[in-house]
PDB file of N, CA and C in Angstrom:
ATOM      1  N   MET A   1     -27.088  11.634  -2.357  1.00  0.00           N
ATOM      2  CA  MET A   1     -26.076  12.669  -2.361  1.00  0.00           C
ATOM      3  C   MET A   1     -24.791  12.104  -1.742  1.00  0.00           C
ATOM      4  N   PRO A   2     -23.652  12.249  -2.437  1.00  0.00           N
ATOM      5  CA  PRO A   2     -22.393  11.712  -1.899  1.00  0.00           C
ATOM      6  C   PRO A   2     -21.922  12.493  -0.674  1.00  0.00           C
ATOM      7  N   LYS A   3     -21.262  11.783   0.204  1.00  0.00           N
ATOM      8  CA  LYS A   3     -20.700  12.425   1.388  1.00  0.00           C
ATOM      9  C   LYS A   3     -19.426  13.151   0.981  1.00  0.00           C
ATOM     10  N   LEU A   4     -19.375  14.437   1.266  1.00  0.00           N
ATOM     11  CA  LEU A   4     -18.203  15.228   0.907  1.00  0.00           C
ATOM     12  C   LEU A   4     -17.003  14.813   1.748  1.00  0.00           C
ATOM     13  N   GLY A   5     -15.860  14.734   1.118  1.00  0.00           N
ATOM     14  CA  GLY A   5     -14.631  14.399   1.816  1.00  0.00           C
ATOM     15  C   GLY A   5     -14.387  12.917   2.028  1.00  0.00           C
ATOM     16  N   MET A   6     -15.279  12.078   1.537  1.00  0.00           N
ATOM     17  CA  MET A   6     -15.126  10.635   1.751  1.00  0.00           C
ATOM     18  C   MET A   6     -14.195   9.980   0.735  1.00  0.00           C
ATOM     19  N   GLU A   7     -14.019  10.603  -0.420  1.00  0.00           N
ATOM     20  CA  GLU A   7     -13.219   9.951  -1.464  1.00  0.00           C
ATOM     21  C   GLU A   7     -11.812   9.585  -1.004  1.00  0.00           C
ATOM     22  N   PRO A   8     -11.041  10.515  -0.424  1.00  0.00           N
ATOM     23  CA  PRO A   8      -9.685  10.120   0.006  1.00  0.00           C
ATOM     24  C   PRO A   8      -9.691   9.021   1.064  1.00  0.00           C
ATOM     25  N   ILE A   9     -10.679   9.049   1.936  1.00  0.00           N
ATOM     26  CA  ILE A   9     -10.771   8.034   2.987  1.00  0.00           C
ATOM     27  C   ILE A   9     -11.078   6.671   2.376  1.00  0.00           C
ATOM     28  N   ARG A  10     -12.018   6.652   1.458  1.00  0.00           N
ATOM     29  CA  ARG A  10     -12.394   5.382   0.825  1.00  0.00           C
ATOM     30  C   ARG A  10     -11.285   4.858  -0.079  1.00  0.00           C
ATOM     31  N   ARG A  11     -10.629   5.751  -0.806  1.00  0.00           N
ATOM     32  CA  ARG A  11      -9.523   5.317  -1.663  1.00  0.00           C
ATOM     33  C   ARG A  11      -8.410   4.703  -0.810  1.00  0.00           C
ATOM     34  N   ALA A  12      -8.085   5.355   0.308  1.00  0.00           N
ATOM     35  CA  ALA A  12      -7.045   4.832   1.204  1.00  0.00           C
ATOM     36  C   ALA A  12      -7.457   3.478   1.781  1.00  0.00           C
ATOM     37  N   ALA A  13      -8.733   3.331   2.120  1.00  0.00           N
ATOM     38  CA  ALA A  13      -9.221   2.050   2.650  1.00  0.00           C
ATOM     39  C   ALA A  13      -9.112   0.955   1.597  1.00  0.00           C
ATOM     40  N   LEU A  14      -9.406   1.287   0.346  1.00  0.00           N
ATOM     41  CA  LEU A  14      -9.297   0.301  -0.733  1.00  0.00           C
ATOM     42  C   LEU A  14      -7.844  -0.085  -0.989  1.00  0.00           C
ATOM     43  N   VAL A  15      -6.945   0.882  -0.925  1.00  0.00           N
ATOM     44  CA  VAL A  15      -5.518   0.590  -1.118  1.00  0.00           C
ATOM     45  C   VAL A  15      -5.017  -0.315   0.003  1.00  0.00           C
ATOM     46  N   LYS A  16      -5.372   0.011   1.244  1.00  0.00           N
ATOM     47  CA  LYS A  16      -4.960  -0.828   2.376  1.00  0.00           C
ATOM     48  C   LYS A  16      -5.548  -2.229   2.245  1.00  0.00           C
ATOM     49  N   ALA A  17      -6.809  -2.308   1.859  1.00  0.00           N
ATOM     50  CA  ALA A  17      -7.456  -3.612   1.682  1.00  0.00           C
ATOM     51  C   ALA A  17      -6.776  -4.413   0.579  1.00  0.00           C
ATOM     52  N   THR A  18      -6.346  -3.740  -0.477  1.00  0.00           N
ATOM     53  CA  THR A  18      -5.639  -4.417  -1.567  1.00  0.00           C
ATOM     54  C   THR A  18      -4.345  -5.031  -1.057  1.00  0.00           C
ATOM     55  N   ILE A  19      -3.579  -4.255  -0.323  1.00  0.00           N
ATOM     56  CA  ILE A  19      -2.314  -4.746   0.234  1.00  0.00           C
ATOM     57  C   ILE A  19      -2.580  -5.916   1.189  1.00  0.00           C
ATOM     58  N   ASP A  20      -3.604  -5.785   2.020  1.00  0.00           N
ATOM     59  CA  ASP A  20      -3.955  -6.858   2.959  1.00  0.00           C
ATOM     60  C   ASP A  20      -4.387  -8.127   2.229  1.00  0.00           C
ATOM     61  N   CYS A  21      -5.228  -7.978   1.206  1.00  0.00           N
ATOM     62  CA  CYS A  21      -5.721  -9.149   0.458  1.00  0.00           C
ATOM     63  C   CYS A  21      -4.587  -9.859  -0.276  1.00  0.00           C
ATOM     64  N   ILE A  22      -3.722  -9.090  -0.914  1.00  0.00           N
ATOM     65  CA  ILE A  22      -2.595  -9.693  -1.633  1.00  0.00           C
ATOM     66  C   ILE A  22      -1.679 -10.407  -0.640  1.00  0.00           C
ATOM     67  N   GLY A  23      -1.428  -9.777   0.505  1.00  0.00           N
ATOM     68  CA  GLY A  23      -0.594 -10.402   1.528  1.00  0.00           C
ATOM     69  C   GLY A  23      -1.204 -11.680   2.072  1.00  0.00           C
ATOM     70  N   ALA A  24      -2.504 -11.661   2.328  1.00  0.00           N
ATOM     71  CA  ALA A  24      -3.181 -12.847   2.865  1.00  0.00           C
ATOM     72  C   ALA A  24      -3.242 -13.967   1.835  1.00  0.00           C
ATOM     73  N   GLN A  25      -3.479 -13.604   0.587  1.00  0.00           N
ATOM     74  CA  GLN A  25      -3.596 -14.589  -0.490  1.00  0.00           C
ATOM     75  C   GLN A  25      -2.216 -15.116  -0.903  1.00  0.00           C
ATOM     76  N   GLY A  26      -1.209 -14.257  -0.763  1.00  0.00           N
ATOM     77  CA  GLY A  26       0.131 -14.653  -1.183  1.00  0.00           C
ATOM     78  C   GLY A  26       0.334 -14.569  -2.682  1.00  0.00           C
ATOM     79  N   SER A  27      -0.602 -13.937  -3.365  1.00  0.00           N
ATOM     80  CA  SER A  27      -0.486 -13.765  -4.819  1.00  0.00           C
ATOM     81  C   SER A  27      -1.368 -12.601  -5.251  1.00  0.00           C
ATOM     82  N   LEU A  28      -1.280 -12.271  -6.536  1.00  0.00           N
ATOM     83  CA  LEU A  28      -2.104 -11.202  -7.094  1.00  0.00           C
ATOM     84  C   LEU A  28      -3.476 -11.705  -7.526  1.00  0.00           C
ATOM     85  N   ASP A  29      -3.773 -12.944  -7.214  1.00  0.00           N
ATOM     86  CA  ASP A  29      -5.029 -13.563  -7.621  1.00  0.00           C
ATOM     87  C   ASP A  29      -6.152 -13.197  -6.651  1.00  0.00           C
ATOM     88  N   VAL A  30      -6.445 -11.901  -6.574  1.00  0.00           N
ATOM     89  CA  VAL A  30      -7.543 -11.410  -5.750  1.00  0.00           C
ATOM     90  C   VAL A  30      -8.514 -10.651  -6.649  1.00  0.00           C
ATOM     91  N   THR A  31      -9.742 -10.572  -6.228  1.00  0.00           N
ATOM     92  CA  THR A  31     -10.752  -9.886  -7.030  1.00  0.00           C
ATOM     93  C   THR A  31     -11.093  -8.533  -6.418  1.00  0.00           C
ATOM     94  N   VAL A  32     -11.674  -7.681  -7.245  1.00  0.00           N
ATOM     95  CA  VAL A  32     -12.133  -6.387  -6.746  1.00  0.00           C
ATOM     96  C   VAL A  32     -13.194  -6.604  -5.670  1.00  0.00           C
ATOM     97  N   SER A  33     -14.009  -7.619  -5.837  1.00  0.00           N
ATOM     98  CA  SER A  33     -15.036  -7.924  -4.826  1.00  0.00           C
ATOM     99  C   SER A  33     -14.404  -8.258  -3.478  1.00  0.00           C
ATOM    100  N   GLN A  34     -13.333  -9.060  -3.487  1.00  0.00           N
ATOM    101  CA  GLN A  34     -12.638  -9.396  -2.231  1.00  0.00           C
ATOM    102  C   GLN A  34     -12.043  -8.143  -1.599  1.00  0.00           C
ATOM    103  N   ILE A  35     -11.426  -7.320  -2.432  1.00  0.00           N
ATOM    104  CA  ILE A  35     -10.810  -6.081  -1.938  1.00  0.00           C
ATOM    105  C   ILE A  35     -11.874  -5.177  -1.328  1.00  0.00           C
ATOM    106  N   ALA A  36     -12.967  -4.984  -2.058  1.00  0.00           N
ATOM    107  CA  ALA A  36     -14.041  -4.108  -1.585  1.00  0.00           C
ATOM    108  C   ALA A  36     -14.650  -4.633  -0.286  1.00  0.00           C
ATOM    109  N   LYS A  37     -14.863  -5.936  -0.208  1.00  0.00           N
ATOM    110  CA  LYS A  37     -15.429  -6.532   1.007  1.00  0.00           C
ATOM    111  C   LYS A  37     -14.502  -6.300   2.197  1.00  0.00           C
ATOM    112  N   THR A  38     -13.204  -6.475   1.978  1.00  0.00           N
ATOM    113  CA  THR A  38     -12.228  -6.237   3.045  1.00  0.00           C
ATOM    114  C   THR A  38     -12.255  -4.776   3.489  1.00  0.00           C
ATOM    115  N   ALA A  39     -12.485  -3.871   2.531  1.00  0.00           N
ATOM    116  CA  ALA A  39     -12.541  -2.440   2.842  1.00  0.00           C
ATOM    117  C   ALA A  39     -13.895  -2.020   3.399  1.00  0.00           C
ATOM    118  N   GLY A  40     -14.867  -2.937   3.377  1.00  0.00           N
ATOM    119  CA  GLY A  40     -16.180  -2.625   3.915  1.00  0.00           C
ATOM    120  C   GLY A  40     -17.059  -1.822   2.983  1.00  0.00           C
ATOM    121  N   MET A  41     -16.877  -2.031   1.687  1.00  0.00           N
ATOM    122  CA  MET A  41     -17.717  -1.321   0.717  1.00  0.00           C
ATOM    123  C   MET A  41     -18.036  -2.216  -0.462  1.00  0.00           C
ATOM    124  N   SER A  42     -18.859  -1.732  -1.356  1.00  0.00           N
ATOM    125  CA  SER A  42     -19.279  -2.527  -2.511  1.00  0.00           C
ATOM    126  C   SER A  42     -18.219  -2.492  -3.607  1.00  0.00           C
ATOM    127  N   SER A  43     -18.235  -3.517  -4.449  1.00  0.00           N
ATOM    128  CA  SER A  43     -17.296  -3.533  -5.574  1.00  0.00           C
ATOM    129  C   SER A  43     -17.616  -2.409  -6.554  1.00  0.00           C
ATOM    130  N   ALA A  44     -18.885  -2.006  -6.634  1.00  0.00           N
ATOM    131  CA  ALA A  44     -19.253  -0.881  -7.510  1.00  0.00           C
ATOM    132  C   ALA A  44     -18.553   0.400  -7.061  1.00  0.00           C
ATOM    133  N   LEU A  45     -18.462   0.599  -5.759  1.00  0.00           N
ATOM    134  CA  LEU A  45     -17.778   1.781  -5.240  1.00  0.00           C
ATOM    135  C   LEU A  45     -16.278   1.701  -5.525  1.00  0.00           C
ATOM    136  N   ALA A  46     -15.712   0.522  -5.404  1.00  0.00           N
ATOM    137  CA  ALA A  46     -14.291   0.342  -5.729  1.00  0.00           C
ATOM    138  C   ALA A  46     -14.044   0.675  -7.197  1.00  0.00           C
ATOM    139  N   HIS A  47     -14.917   0.195  -8.069  1.00  0.00           N
ATOM    140  CA  HIS A  47     -14.790   0.507  -9.496  1.00  0.00           C
ATOM    141  C   HIS A  47     -14.994   1.997  -9.747  1.00  0.00           C
ATOM    142  N   HIS A  48     -15.874   2.618  -8.993  1.00  0.00           N
ATOM    143  CA  HIS A  48     -16.109   4.057  -9.139  1.00  0.00           C
ATOM    144  C   HIS A  48     -14.830   4.845  -8.846  1.00  0.00           C
ATOM    145  N   TYR A  49     -14.138   4.480  -7.781  1.00  0.00           N
ATOM    146  CA  TYR A  49     -12.944   5.223  -7.378  1.00  0.00           C
ATOM    147  C   TYR A  49     -11.709   4.884  -8.199  1.00  0.00           C
ATOM    148  N   PHE A  50     -11.594   3.658  -8.688  1.00  0.00           N
ATOM    149  CA  PHE A  50     -10.373   3.245  -9.370  1.00  0.00           C
ATOM    150  C   PHE A  50     -10.570   2.787 -10.805  1.00  0.00           C
ATOM    151  N   GLY A  51     -11.756   2.441 -11.197  1.00  0.00           N
ATOM    152  CA  GLY A  51     -11.984   2.003 -12.565  1.00  0.00           C
ATOM    153  C   GLY A  51     -11.790   0.512 -12.776  1.00  0.00           C
ATOM    154  N   GLY A  52     -10.896  -0.096 -12.055  1.00  0.00           N
ATOM    155  CA  GLY A  52     -10.655  -1.527 -12.221  1.00  0.00           C
ATOM    156  C   GLY A  52      -9.510  -2.010 -11.353  1.00  0.00           C
ATOM    157  N   LYS A  53      -9.265  -3.300 -11.435  1.00  0.00           N
ATOM    158  CA  LYS A  53      -8.260  -3.943 -10.586  1.00  0.00           C
ATOM    159  C   LYS A  53      -6.854  -3.421 -10.870  1.00  0.00           C
ATOM    160  N   ASP A  54      -6.531  -3.195 -12.131  1.00  0.00           N
ATOM    161  CA  ASP A  54      -5.184  -2.713 -12.451  1.00  0.00           C
ATOM    162  C   ASP A  54      -4.895  -1.375 -11.780  1.00  0.00           C
ATOM    163  N   GLN A  55      -5.870  -0.488 -11.773  1.00  0.00           N
ATOM    164  CA  GLN A  55      -5.669   0.826 -11.160  1.00  0.00           C
ATOM    165  C   GLN A  55      -5.559   0.719  -9.636  1.00  0.00           C
ATOM    166  N   ILE A  56      -6.321  -0.203  -9.051  1.00  0.00           N
ATOM    167  CA  ILE A  56      -6.208  -0.413  -7.597  1.00  0.00           C
ATOM    168  C   ILE A  56      -4.827  -0.982  -7.266  1.00  0.00           C
ATOM    169  N   PHE A  57      -4.367  -1.940  -8.060  1.00  0.00           N
ATOM    170  CA  PHE A  57      -3.037  -2.515  -7.843  1.00  0.00           C
ATOM    171  C   PHE A  57      -1.954  -1.447  -7.992  1.00  0.00           C
ATOM    172  N   LEU A  58      -2.096  -0.585  -8.982  1.00  0.00           N
ATOM    173  CA  LEU A  58      -1.118   0.484  -9.194  1.00  0.00           C
ATOM    174  C   LEU A  58      -1.088   1.432  -7.992  1.00  0.00           C
ATOM    175  N   ALA A  59      -2.255   1.798  -7.487  1.00  0.00           N
ATOM    176  CA  ALA A  59      -2.321   2.667  -6.310  1.00  0.00           C
ATOM    177  C   ALA A  59      -1.697   1.985  -5.092  1.00  0.00           C
ATOM    178  N   ALA A  60      -1.921   0.682  -4.949  1.00  0.00           N
ATOM    179  CA  ALA A  60      -1.330  -0.062  -3.836  1.00  0.00           C
ATOM    180  C   ALA A  60       0.196  -0.085  -3.959  1.00  0.00           C
ATOM    181  N   MET A  61       0.689  -0.299  -5.172  1.00  0.00           N
ATOM    182  CA  MET A  61       2.142  -0.312  -5.382  1.00  0.00           C
ATOM    183  C   MET A  61       2.747   1.055  -5.088  1.00  0.00           C
ATOM    184  N   HIS A  62       2.073   2.119  -5.508  1.00  0.00           N
ATOM    185  CA  HIS A  62       2.552   3.470  -5.191  1.00  0.00           C
ATOM    186  C   HIS A  62       2.627   3.673  -3.681  1.00  0.00           C
ATOM    187  N   GLN A  63       1.621   3.196  -2.954  1.00  0.00           N
ATOM    188  CA  GLN A  63       1.616   3.341  -1.498  1.00  0.00           C
ATOM    189  C   GLN A  63       2.761   2.557  -0.862  1.00  0.00           C
ATOM    190  N   ILE A  64       2.976   1.344  -1.331  1.00  0.00           N
ATOM    191  CA  ILE A  64       4.071   0.525  -0.807  1.00  0.00           C
ATOM    192  C   ILE A  64       5.412   1.219  -1.039  1.00  0.00           C
ATOM    193  N   LEU A  65       5.597   1.772  -2.228  1.00  0.00           N
ATOM    194  CA  LEU A  65       6.855   2.461  -2.543  1.00  0.00           C
ATOM    195  C   LEU A  65       7.009   3.748  -1.739  1.00  0.00           C
ATOM    196  N   ARG A  66       5.901   4.480  -1.514  1.00  0.00           N
ATOM    197  CA  ARG A  66       5.970   5.680  -0.669  1.00  0.00           C
ATOM    198  C   ARG A  66       6.388   5.305   0.747  1.00  0.00           C
ATOM    199  N   ASP A  67       5.777   4.251   1.293  1.00  0.00           N
ATOM    200  CA  ASP A  67       6.115   3.809   2.652  1.00  0.00           C
ATOM    201  C   ASP A  67       7.576   3.365   2.740  1.00  0.00           C
ATOM    202  N   PHE A  68       8.021   2.617   1.735  1.00  0.00           N
ATOM    203  CA  PHE A  68       9.410   2.156   1.710  1.00  0.00           C
ATOM    204  C   PHE A  68      10.360   3.349   1.607  1.00  0.00           C
ATOM    205  N   GLY A  69      10.044   4.298   0.741  1.00  0.00           N
ATOM    206  CA  GLY A  69      10.879   5.492   0.591  1.00  0.00           C
ATOM    207  C   GLY A  69      10.999   6.268   1.888  1.00  0.00           C
ATOM    208  N   THR A  70       9.905   6.388   2.595  1.00  0.00           N
ATOM    209  CA  THR A  70       9.917   7.080   3.886  1.00  0.00           C
ATOM    210  C   THR A  70      10.816   6.351   4.875  1.00  0.00           C
ATOM    211  N   GLU A  71      10.707   5.032   4.895  1.00  0.00           N
ATOM    212  CA  GLU A  71      11.529   4.232   5.807  1.00  0.00           C
ATOM    213  C   GLU A  71      13.019   4.368   5.466  1.00  0.00           C
ATOM    214  N   VAL A  72      13.345   4.344   4.189  1.00  0.00           N
ATOM    215  CA  VAL A  72      14.744   4.473   3.764  1.00  0.00           C
ATOM    216  C   VAL A  72      15.279   5.860   4.117  1.00  0.00           C
ATOM    217  N   ARG A  73      14.522   6.909   3.808  1.00  0.00           N
ATOM    218  CA  ARG A  73      14.989   8.267   4.114  1.00  0.00           C
ATOM    219  C   ARG A  73      15.184   8.471   5.612  1.00  0.00           C
ATOM    220  N   THR A  74      14.289   7.916   6.411  1.00  0.00           N
ATOM    221  CA  THR A  74      14.426   8.020   7.866  1.00  0.00           C
ATOM    222  C   THR A  74      15.697   7.323   8.339  1.00  0.00           C
ATOM    223  N   ALA A  75      15.960   6.147   7.813  1.00  0.00           N
ATOM    224  CA  ALA A  75      17.172   5.405   8.193  1.00  0.00           C
ATOM    225  C   ALA A  75      18.429   6.143   7.741  1.00  0.00           C
ATOM    226  N   LEU A  76      18.395   6.736   6.551  1.00  0.00           N
ATOM    227  CA  LEU A  76      19.575   7.436   6.036  1.00  0.00           C
ATOM    228  C   LEU A  76      19.871   8.712   6.819  1.00  0.00           C
ATOM    229  N   ARG A  77      18.839   9.380   7.318  1.00  0.00           N
ATOM    230  CA  ARG A  77      19.050  10.608   8.093  1.00  0.00           C
ATOM    231  C   ARG A  77      19.772  10.339   9.413  1.00  0.00           C
ATOM    232  N   ALA A  78      19.687   9.116   9.892  1.00  0.00           N
ATOM    233  CA  ALA A  78      20.259   8.775  11.198  1.00  0.00           C
ATOM    234  C   ALA A  78      21.756   8.506  11.141  1.00  0.00           C
ATOM    235  N   THR A  79      22.352   8.532   9.962  1.00  0.00           N
ATOM    236  CA  THR A  79      23.780   8.212   9.846  1.00  0.00           C
ATOM    237  C   THR A  79      24.452   9.146   8.851  1.00  0.00           C
ATOM    238  N   ARG A  80      25.770   9.261   8.980  1.00  0.00           N
ATOM    239  CA  ARG A  80      26.513  10.178   8.109  1.00  0.00           C
ATOM    240  C   ARG A  80      27.638   9.496   7.325  1.00  0.00           C
ATOM    241  N   THR A  81      28.119   8.371   7.797  1.00  0.00           N
ATOM    242  CA  THR A  81      29.247   7.726   7.123  1.00  0.00           C
ATOM    243  C   THR A  81      28.752   6.890   5.942  1.00  0.00           C
ATOM    244  N   PRO A  82      29.604   6.694   4.945  1.00  0.00           N
ATOM    245  CA  PRO A  82      29.205   5.847   3.813  1.00  0.00           C
ATOM    246  C   PRO A  82      28.818   4.436   4.258  1.00  0.00           C
ATOM    247  N   ARG A  83      29.586   3.871   5.171  1.00  0.00           N
ATOM    248  CA  ARG A  83      29.258   2.525   5.660  1.00  0.00           C
ATOM    249  C   ARG A  83      27.916   2.526   6.391  1.00  0.00           C
ATOM    250  N   GLY A  84      27.709   3.517   7.227  1.00  0.00           N
ATOM    251  CA  GLY A  84      26.448   3.623   7.957  1.00  0.00           C
ATOM    252  C   GLY A  84      25.261   3.780   7.021  1.00  0.00           C
ATOM    253  N   ARG A  85      25.454   4.551   5.939  1.00  0.00           N
ATOM    254  CA  ARG A  85      24.375   4.735   4.965  1.00  0.00           C
ATOM    255  C   ARG A  85      24.074   3.426   4.237  1.00  0.00           C
ATOM    256  N   ALA A  86      25.123   2.682   3.900  1.00  0.00           N
ATOM    257  CA  ALA A  86      24.915   1.386   3.239  1.00  0.00           C
ATOM    258  C   ALA A  86      24.188   0.426   4.182  1.00  0.00           C
ATOM    259  N   GLU A  87      24.613   0.405   5.443  1.00  0.00           N
ATOM    260  CA  GLU A  87      23.951  -0.458   6.424  1.00  0.00           C
ATOM    261  C   GLU A  87      22.496  -0.039   6.639  1.00  0.00           C
ATOM    262  N   ALA A  88      22.245   1.264   6.658  1.00  0.00           N
ATOM    263  CA  ALA A  88      20.875   1.756   6.833  1.00  0.00           C
ATOM    264  C   ALA A  88      19.998   1.350   5.657  1.00  0.00           C
ATOM    265  N   LEU A  89      20.543   1.438   4.460  1.00  0.00           N
ATOM    266  CA  LEU A  89      19.791   1.055   3.265  1.00  0.00           C
ATOM    267  C   LEU A  89      19.472  -0.442   3.280  1.00  0.00           C
ATOM    268  N   ILE A  90      20.466  -1.235   3.631  1.00  0.00           N
ATOM    269  CA  ILE A  90      20.250  -2.688   3.703  1.00  0.00           C
ATOM    270  C   ILE A  90      19.246  -3.019   4.803  1.00  0.00           C
ATOM    271  N   SER A  91      19.396  -2.390   5.951  1.00  0.00           N
ATOM    272  CA  SER A  91      18.480  -2.635   7.069  1.00  0.00           C
ATOM    273  C   SER A  91      17.044  -2.266   6.697  1.00  0.00           C
ATOM    274  N   ALA A  92      16.866  -1.126   6.057  1.00  0.00           N
ATOM    275  CA  ALA A  92      15.520  -0.704   5.647  1.00  0.00           C
ATOM    276  C   ALA A  92      14.944  -1.649   4.599  1.00  0.00           C
ATOM    277  N   SER A  93      15.804  -2.180   3.747  1.00  0.00           N
ATOM    278  CA  SER A  93      15.341  -3.090   2.691  1.00  0.00           C
ATOM    279  C   SER A  93      14.870  -4.427   3.241  1.00  0.00           C
ATOM    280  N   PHE A  94      15.376  -4.799   4.401  1.00  0.00           N
ATOM    281  CA  PHE A  94      14.999  -6.081   4.997  1.00  0.00           C
ATOM    282  C   PHE A  94      14.202  -5.912   6.293  1.00  0.00           C
ATOM    283  N   ALA A  95      13.642  -4.732   6.488  1.00  0.00           N
ATOM    284  CA  ALA A  95      12.819  -4.478   7.673  1.00  0.00           C
ATOM    285  C   ALA A  95      11.561  -5.342   7.629  1.00  0.00           C
ATOM    286  N   PRO A  96      11.039  -5.716   8.780  1.00  0.00           N
ATOM    287  CA  PRO A  96       9.816  -6.535   8.812  1.00  0.00           C
ATOM    288  C   PRO A  96       8.660  -5.924   8.017  1.00  0.00           C
ATOM    289  N   SER A  97       8.594  -4.607   7.974  1.00  0.00           N
ATOM    290  CA  SER A  97       7.501  -3.959   7.239  1.00  0.00           C
ATOM    291  C   SER A  97       7.553  -4.255   5.745  1.00  0.00           C
ATOM    292  N   CYS A  98       8.711  -4.667   5.251  1.00  0.00           N
ATOM    293  CA  CYS A  98       8.829  -5.025   3.831  1.00  0.00           C
ATOM    294  C   CYS A  98       8.213  -6.392   3.540  1.00  0.00           C
ATOM    295  N   PHE A  99       7.993  -7.175   4.577  1.00  0.00           N
ATOM    296  CA  PHE A  99       7.533  -8.543   4.379  1.00  0.00           C
ATOM    297  C   PHE A  99       6.178  -8.837   5.002  1.00  0.00           C
ATOM    298  N   ASP A 100       5.708  -7.955   5.872  1.00  0.00           N
ATOM    299  CA  ASP A 100       4.404  -8.154   6.506  1.00  0.00           C
ATOM    300  C   ASP A 100       3.323  -7.515   5.652  1.00  0.00           C
ATOM    301  N   PRO A 101       2.198  -8.217   5.474  1.00  0.00           N
ATOM    302  CA  PRO A 101       1.106  -7.605   4.698  1.00  0.00           C
ATOM    303  C   PRO A 101       0.443  -6.478   5.462  1.00  0.00           C
TER     304      PRO A 101
END
């Protein structure tokens, strides 16, 4: 019997593991097995939640873009001038979080 409420937790763990694996590898040449192992689950479970590597990569990219969007909006809220907004956008684009796995 499946544990109720585990799907969002496991999906999030797989997305984080995907980002970590790609960052550690330095390329997209990672396997679902590597991702699942990093997330602490079987590759069968990863396939169950995402269907395949492309879907896991897509979910990881969506998460990266959500995080980046949040960072940009936070930086933009802190300033009101056009120059300040441009500087905030540039600063958010080159923040360490954009480059750390």
